[in-house]
Protein backbone atom coordinates (compact mmCIF):
# COMPACT_ATOMS: atom_id res chain seq x y z
CA MET A 1 4.75 -14.35 -29.85
CA ILE A 2 7.61 -13.09 -27.23
CA LYS A 3 5.32 -11.09 -24.48
CA LEU A 4 6.89 -8.38 -22.84
CA GLY A 5 6.32 -8.30 -19.15
CA GLU A 6 5.27 -11.80 -18.95
CA THR A 7 6.98 -14.87 -18.04
CA GLN A 8 6.86 -17.60 -20.89
CA LYS A 9 8.73 -21.10 -22.21
CA LEU A 10 11.09 -20.01 -24.95
CA THR A 11 13.24 -22.24 -26.87
CA VAL A 12 17.05 -21.96 -27.26
CA ILE A 13 17.42 -21.36 -31.19
CA LYS A 14 21.18 -20.26 -31.10
CA GLN A 15 24.06 -20.28 -28.64
CA VAL A 16 26.74 -17.62 -29.05
CA GLU A 17 29.64 -16.51 -26.68
CA PHE A 18 27.65 -13.94 -24.68
CA GLY A 19 24.66 -15.85 -24.36
CA VAL A 20 21.60 -17.56 -26.05
CA TYR A 21 19.05 -16.64 -28.31
CA LEU A 22 15.12 -17.82 -27.40
CA ALA A 23 12.12 -17.89 -29.79
CA GLU A 24 8.71 -19.37 -29.35
CA SER A 25 10.16 -22.15 -31.65
CA PRO A 26 13.13 -23.06 -34.35
CA GLU A 27 10.39 -22.41 -36.88
CA SER A 28 9.98 -18.41 -35.44
CA ALA A 29 13.45 -17.81 -35.24
CA ASP A 30 12.98 -14.38 -36.74
CA GLU A 31 11.61 -13.04 -33.49
CA LYS A 32 14.16 -13.87 -30.96
CA VAL A 33 15.42 -12.51 -27.93
CA LEU A 34 18.65 -12.69 -25.89
CA LEU A 35 19.21 -14.58 -22.53
CA PRO A 36 22.66 -13.32 -21.24
CA LYS A 37 25.42 -15.73 -20.40
CA ALA A 38 25.35 -15.31 -16.57
CA GLN A 39 21.55 -16.16 -16.78
CA ILE A 40 21.81 -19.34 -18.56
CA PRO A 41 20.94 -22.66 -16.43
CA GLU A 42 23.84 -25.06 -16.41
CA GLY A 43 24.15 -27.66 -19.03
CA VAL A 44 21.30 -25.90 -21.49
CA LYS A 45 21.75 -26.72 -24.94
CA THR A 46 20.41 -25.71 -28.56
CA GLY A 47 16.43 -27.24 -28.55
CA ASP A 48 16.06 -26.97 -24.64
CA GLU A 49 13.22 -24.61 -23.44
CA ILE A 50 13.86 -22.29 -20.76
CA GLU A 51 11.16 -20.40 -18.75
CA VAL A 52 12.17 -16.71 -18.67
CA PHE A 53 10.68 -13.16 -17.92
CA ILE A 54 10.68 -10.66 -20.68
CA TYR A 55 11.53 -6.92 -20.31
CA ARG A 56 13.85 -4.07 -21.94
CA ASP A 57 17.51 -3.45 -21.14
CA SER A 58 19.03 0.01 -20.81
CA GLN A 59 18.92 0.49 -24.53
CA ASP A 60 15.22 -0.46 -24.78
CA ARG A 61 16.10 -3.66 -26.45
CA LEU A 62 14.12 -6.78 -25.28
CA ILE A 63 15.81 -9.31 -23.29
CA SER A 64 15.11 -12.04 -20.98
CA THR A 65 15.87 -13.14 -17.50
CA THR A 66 15.65 -16.50 -15.43
CA ASN A 67 15.26 -14.04 -12.46
CA THR A 68 11.45 -13.75 -11.17
CA PRO A 69 10.50 -10.19 -10.87
CA LEU A 70 8.35 -8.88 -8.15
CA ILE A 71 5.74 -7.91 -10.27
CA LYS A 72 4.49 -8.99 -13.93
CA LEU A 73 2.34 -7.35 -16.60
CA GLY A 74 -1.19 -6.46 -15.01
CA GLU A 75 0.03 -7.20 -11.56
CA VAL A 76 -0.02 -4.96 -8.29
CA ALA A 77 2.73 -5.00 -5.97
CA ALA A 78 4.30 -3.15 -3.09
CA LEU A 79 7.90 -2.04 -4.02
CA LYS A 80 10.79 0.34 -2.90
CA VAL A 81 12.04 3.38 -4.21
CA VAL A 82 15.66 3.27 -4.82
CA SER A 83 16.11 6.67 -6.75
CA VAL A 84 14.12 9.79 -7.67
CA GLY A 85 15.01 11.63 -11.04
CA LYS A 86 13.91 14.36 -13.22
CA GLN A 87 11.40 12.36 -14.90
CA GLY A 88 10.28 10.27 -12.28
CA ALA A 89 11.03 7.58 -9.85
CA PHE A 90 12.79 4.35 -10.07
CA LEU A 91 11.80 1.05 -8.10
CA ASN A 92 13.47 -2.15 -7.13
CA TRP A 93 11.36 -4.93 -8.61
CA GLY A 94 14.21 -7.74 -8.18
CA LEU A 95 15.92 -7.28 -11.97
CA GLU A 96 19.07 -5.56 -13.14
CA LYS A 97 17.40 -2.68 -14.37
CA ASP A 98 15.13 -1.00 -11.83
CA LEU A 99 11.40 -0.15 -12.91
CA PHE A 100 10.49 3.27 -13.92
CA LEU A 101 7.51 5.26 -12.20
CA PRO A 102 6.88 8.44 -14.16
CA TYR A 103 6.02 11.42 -12.25
CA ALA A 104 2.36 11.57 -14.12
CA GLN A 105 1.66 8.34 -12.63
CA GLN A 106 2.51 9.52 -8.87
CA ASN A 107 0.01 10.68 -6.48
CA ARG A 108 2.35 11.98 -3.91
CA LYS A 109 5.88 13.19 -3.49
CA LEU A 110 8.31 10.19 -2.82
CA ASN A 111 11.36 9.50 -1.33
CA ILE A 112 14.22 7.29 -1.55
CA GLY A 113 13.07 4.06 0.74
CA ASP A 114 9.66 4.54 0.51
CA GLU A 115 7.19 1.30 -0.11
CA VAL A 116 4.69 2.04 -2.73
CA LEU A 117 1.82 0.06 -4.47
CA VAL A 118 2.21 0.16 -8.10
CA TYR A 119 0.66 -1.64 -11.15
CA LEU A 120 2.48 -2.87 -14.19
CA TYR A 121 1.86 -1.26 -17.33
CA ILE A 122 3.19 -1.06 -20.89
CA ASP A 123 3.42 2.86 -21.92
CA LYS A 124 2.87 4.60 -25.51
CA SER A 125 6.75 3.63 -26.04
CA LYS A 126 6.10 -0.02 -25.63
CA ARG A 127 8.12 0.22 -22.39
CA LEU A 128 7.12 -1.36 -19.08
CA CYS A 129 6.35 1.00 -16.35
CA ALA A 130 4.64 1.55 -12.83
CA SER A 131 1.80 3.39 -12.08
CA MET A 132 0.41 4.38 -8.59
CA LYS A 133 -2.97 4.78 -9.86
CA VAL A 134 -4.02 1.09 -8.56
CA TYR A 135 -7.48 1.62 -7.33
CA ASP A 136 -9.25 -0.02 -10.35
CA HIS A 137 -6.67 -2.88 -10.53
CA LEU A 138 -7.22 -4.42 -6.89
CA ARG A 139 -9.40 -7.16 -6.38
CA THR A 140 -12.78 -7.11 -4.68
CA ASP A 141 -12.88 -10.96 -4.07
CA SER A 142 -11.41 -11.10 -0.64
CA PRO A 143 -12.00 -14.15 1.77
CA TYR A 144 -12.56 -11.67 4.85
CA ARG A 145 -15.70 -11.07 6.55
CA SER A 146 -16.99 -8.51 9.11
CA GLY A 147 -15.20 -8.70 12.07
CA ASP A 148 -11.85 -10.10 10.68
CA ASP A 149 -8.31 -8.78 11.58
CA VAL A 150 -6.36 -7.93 8.46
CA SER A 151 -3.28 -5.91 7.53
CA GLY A 152 -2.60 -3.69 4.60
CA LEU A 153 -0.98 -0.94 2.93
CA VAL A 154 -2.14 2.67 2.95
CA PHE A 155 -1.90 3.86 -0.57
CA GLN A 156 -3.77 7.04 -1.25
CA GLU A 157 -5.51 9.47 0.81
CA SER A 158 -9.10 11.10 -0.09
CA GLU A 159 -9.53 14.43 1.54
CA ASN A 160 -13.45 14.00 1.67
CA TYR A 161 -13.59 9.96 1.87
CA GLY A 162 -10.72 8.74 3.93
CA MET A 163 -7.48 6.49 3.34
CA PHE A 164 -7.48 3.65 0.52
CA VAL A 165 -5.63 0.54 1.66
CA ALA A 166 -4.44 -2.71 -0.32
CA VAL A 167 -5.44 -5.75 2.28
CA ASP A 168 -2.52 -7.96 1.88
CA ASP A 169 -1.32 -5.82 -1.17
CA ILE A 170 -4.06 -7.19 -3.45
CA TYR A 171 -7.31 -6.40 -1.89
CA CYS A 172 -9.62 -2.73 -2.19
CA ALA A 173 -10.28 -1.49 1.16
CA ALA A 174 -11.04 2.05 2.64
CA ILE A 175 -10.86 3.25 6.34
CA LEU A 176 -13.61 5.96 6.13
CA LYS A 177 -12.67 9.37 7.42
CA GLN A 178 -14.77 9.11 10.52
CA GLU A 179 -12.86 5.85 11.18
CA LEU A 180 -9.29 7.41 10.99
CA TYR A 181 -7.80 7.48 14.34
CA GLY A 182 -4.25 8.69 15.17
CA GLU A 183 -1.71 9.60 12.34
CA VAL A 184 -2.23 7.53 9.45
CA LYS A 185 -0.62 8.32 5.99
CA PRO A 186 0.23 6.55 2.63
CA GLY A 187 3.12 4.26 2.68
CA ASP A 188 2.09 3.12 6.35
CA ARG A 189 1.37 -0.33 6.86
CA ILE A 190 -1.45 -1.08 8.96
CA ARG A 191 -3.42 -3.73 11.13
CA ALA A 192 -7.04 -3.21 10.91
CA ARG A 193 -10.44 -4.93 11.52
CA VAL A 194 -13.02 -5.20 8.62
CA SER A 195 -16.29 -3.33 9.50
CA ARG A 196 -18.29 -4.18 6.60
CA VAL A 197 -17.83 -6.22 3.32
CA ARG A 198 -19.83 -3.88 0.83
CA GLU A 199 -21.96 -5.16 -2.05
CA ASP A 200 -19.30 -4.61 -4.53
CA GLY A 201 -16.82 -6.77 -2.47
CA ARG A 202 -14.64 -3.87 -1.25
CA LEU A 203 -13.83 -3.52 2.47
CA ASN A 204 -14.43 -0.88 4.99
CA LEU A 205 -11.92 -1.13 8.06
CA SER A 206 -11.76 0.12 11.26
CA ILE A 207 -8.19 0.52 12.96
CA ARG A 208 -10.35 1.24 16.41
CA GLU A 209 -11.36 -1.73 18.51
CA LYS A 210 -14.82 -2.61 19.15
CA ALA A 211 -16.48 0.31 21.43
CA HIS A 212 -16.47 -1.79 24.65
CA VAL A 213 -12.70 -2.80 23.98
CA GLN A 214 -11.72 0.69 22.62
CA ILE A 215 -13.15 2.84 25.62
CA PHE A 216 -9.98 2.04 27.75
CA PRO A 217 -7.32 3.52 25.63
CA ASP A 218 -9.88 6.25 24.73
CA MET A 219 -10.16 7.04 28.38
CA GLU A 220 -6.15 6.78 28.67
CA ARG A 221 -5.63 9.37 25.67
CA ILE A 222 -7.79 11.80 27.61
CA LEU A 223 -5.85 11.53 30.81
CA GLU A 224 -2.59 11.97 28.68
CA LEU A 225 -4.25 14.86 27.05
CA LEU A 226 -4.98 16.44 30.62
CA ASP A 227 -1.51 16.02 31.37
CA GLN A 228 -0.37 17.99 28.65
CA TYR A 229 -2.80 20.75 29.12
CA GLY A 230 -1.96 21.30 32.70
CA GLY A 231 -4.80 19.11 34.23
CA VAL A 232 -7.60 21.16 32.00
CA LEU A 233 -9.09 20.46 28.92
CA PRO A 234 -10.66 23.83 27.12
CA PHE A 235 -13.61 22.13 25.90
CA THR A 236 -15.85 19.34 27.06
CA GLU A 237 -18.26 16.61 25.11
CA LYS A 238 -20.34 19.41 23.78
CA ALA A 239 -17.56 20.87 21.73
CA THR A 240 -18.02 20.33 17.74
CA PRO A 241 -17.18 17.14 16.16
CA GLU A 242 -14.37 19.06 14.36
CA VAL A 243 -12.93 20.23 17.36
CA ILE A 244 -13.09 16.68 19.16
CA LYS A 245 -11.72 14.88 16.32
CA ARG A 246 -8.75 17.53 15.65
CA GLU A 247 -7.80 17.41 19.48
CA THR A 248 -8.12 13.80 20.42
CA GLY A 249 -8.47 11.87 16.88
CA MET A 250 -11.98 10.62 18.38
CA SER A 251 -15.23 10.88 17.01
CA LYS A 252 -17.72 12.81 19.31
CA ASN A 253 -19.40 9.69 20.46
CA GLU A 254 -16.24 7.88 21.36
CA PHE A 255 -15.15 11.09 23.27
CA LYS A 256 -18.42 11.47 25.24
CA ARG A 257 -18.40 7.87 26.12
CA ALA A 258 -14.86 7.93 27.52
CA VAL A 259 -15.45 11.18 29.11
CA GLY A 260 -18.66 9.76 30.83
CA HIS A 261 -16.66 6.60 32.08
CA LEU A 262 -14.12 9.11 33.57
CA TYR A 263 -16.49 11.00 35.25
CA LYS A 264 -18.22 8.07 36.71
CA GLU A 265 -14.78 6.95 38.19
CA ARG A 266 -14.30 10.46 39.42
CA LYS A 267 -11.16 10.62 37.95
CA ILE A 268 -12.30 14.13 35.67
CA VAL A 269 -14.49 17.03 36.74
CA ILE A 270 -16.84 18.95 34.29
CA GLU A 271 -17.39 22.37 35.04
CA ASP A 272 -17.47 26.25 33.16
CA GLY A 273 -17.18 24.51 29.91
CA LYS A 274 -14.18 22.64 30.68
CA ILE A 275 -12.85 19.03 31.79
CA ARG A 276 -10.54 19.27 34.90
CA SER A 277 -8.54 16.33 36.30
CA ALA A 278 -9.77 15.31 39.73
CA ASN A 279 -6.47 15.65 41.03
CA ASN A 280 -6.28 19.55 39.69
CA GLU A 281 -9.73 20.37 41.03
CA GLN A 282 -9.77 23.92 41.49
């Protein structure tokens, strides 16, 4: 059986001017697929086996190639958007015909050049298509442990939960909402630290350093904000977590810890519900 979306070894059963026809065996010649002339390895003759990938051409006919695609049926991979049309987007997957990503299978607006994580499936019309709904197809058997440094692609945002990340483009992970710092958005490639390996094998990540290390960039961030605010922050560590997160990107505890160190070092003054730069004390 010729398997769409997969790589398999097929036998040359017939040579023609524009290529060769392949089948599982000479006895199963009723089910055959063309390998175009430009794809034929040198010296191939009838009866030889060739390893090929099966997909559909621009007229939806089965066709084979000796090129290796960037994704195969049932796999997840990060691909680049090469065009956007009325029905969806098209992705570069290493073959002549670009891979279709329907609008119904997208989870955000896409532009040419975007990198997206997709799953390859066969749609109801028996065509190969991509889907950005990859969460359930990511692996949960990563070799990583708590404290390990990892890298991955942010593939989806959850307003209530945080950001979902594919570590090494294959392992399921998340940055919880309270761990987010700075600007992180779907499509970003990030470096992070594993903060927890969950019982189901999924990873929780932190893009912040451990507290004793992170405090120094946090202190610098507060001093930068003081410069931007003309030497006076209109709130202190007693502000709500929401205000602190919005203005600084830090959690309330992180902000409180950094403010405390700056105060001990006499770089800031706290009075009247405000934080002032020690150089701007009034």
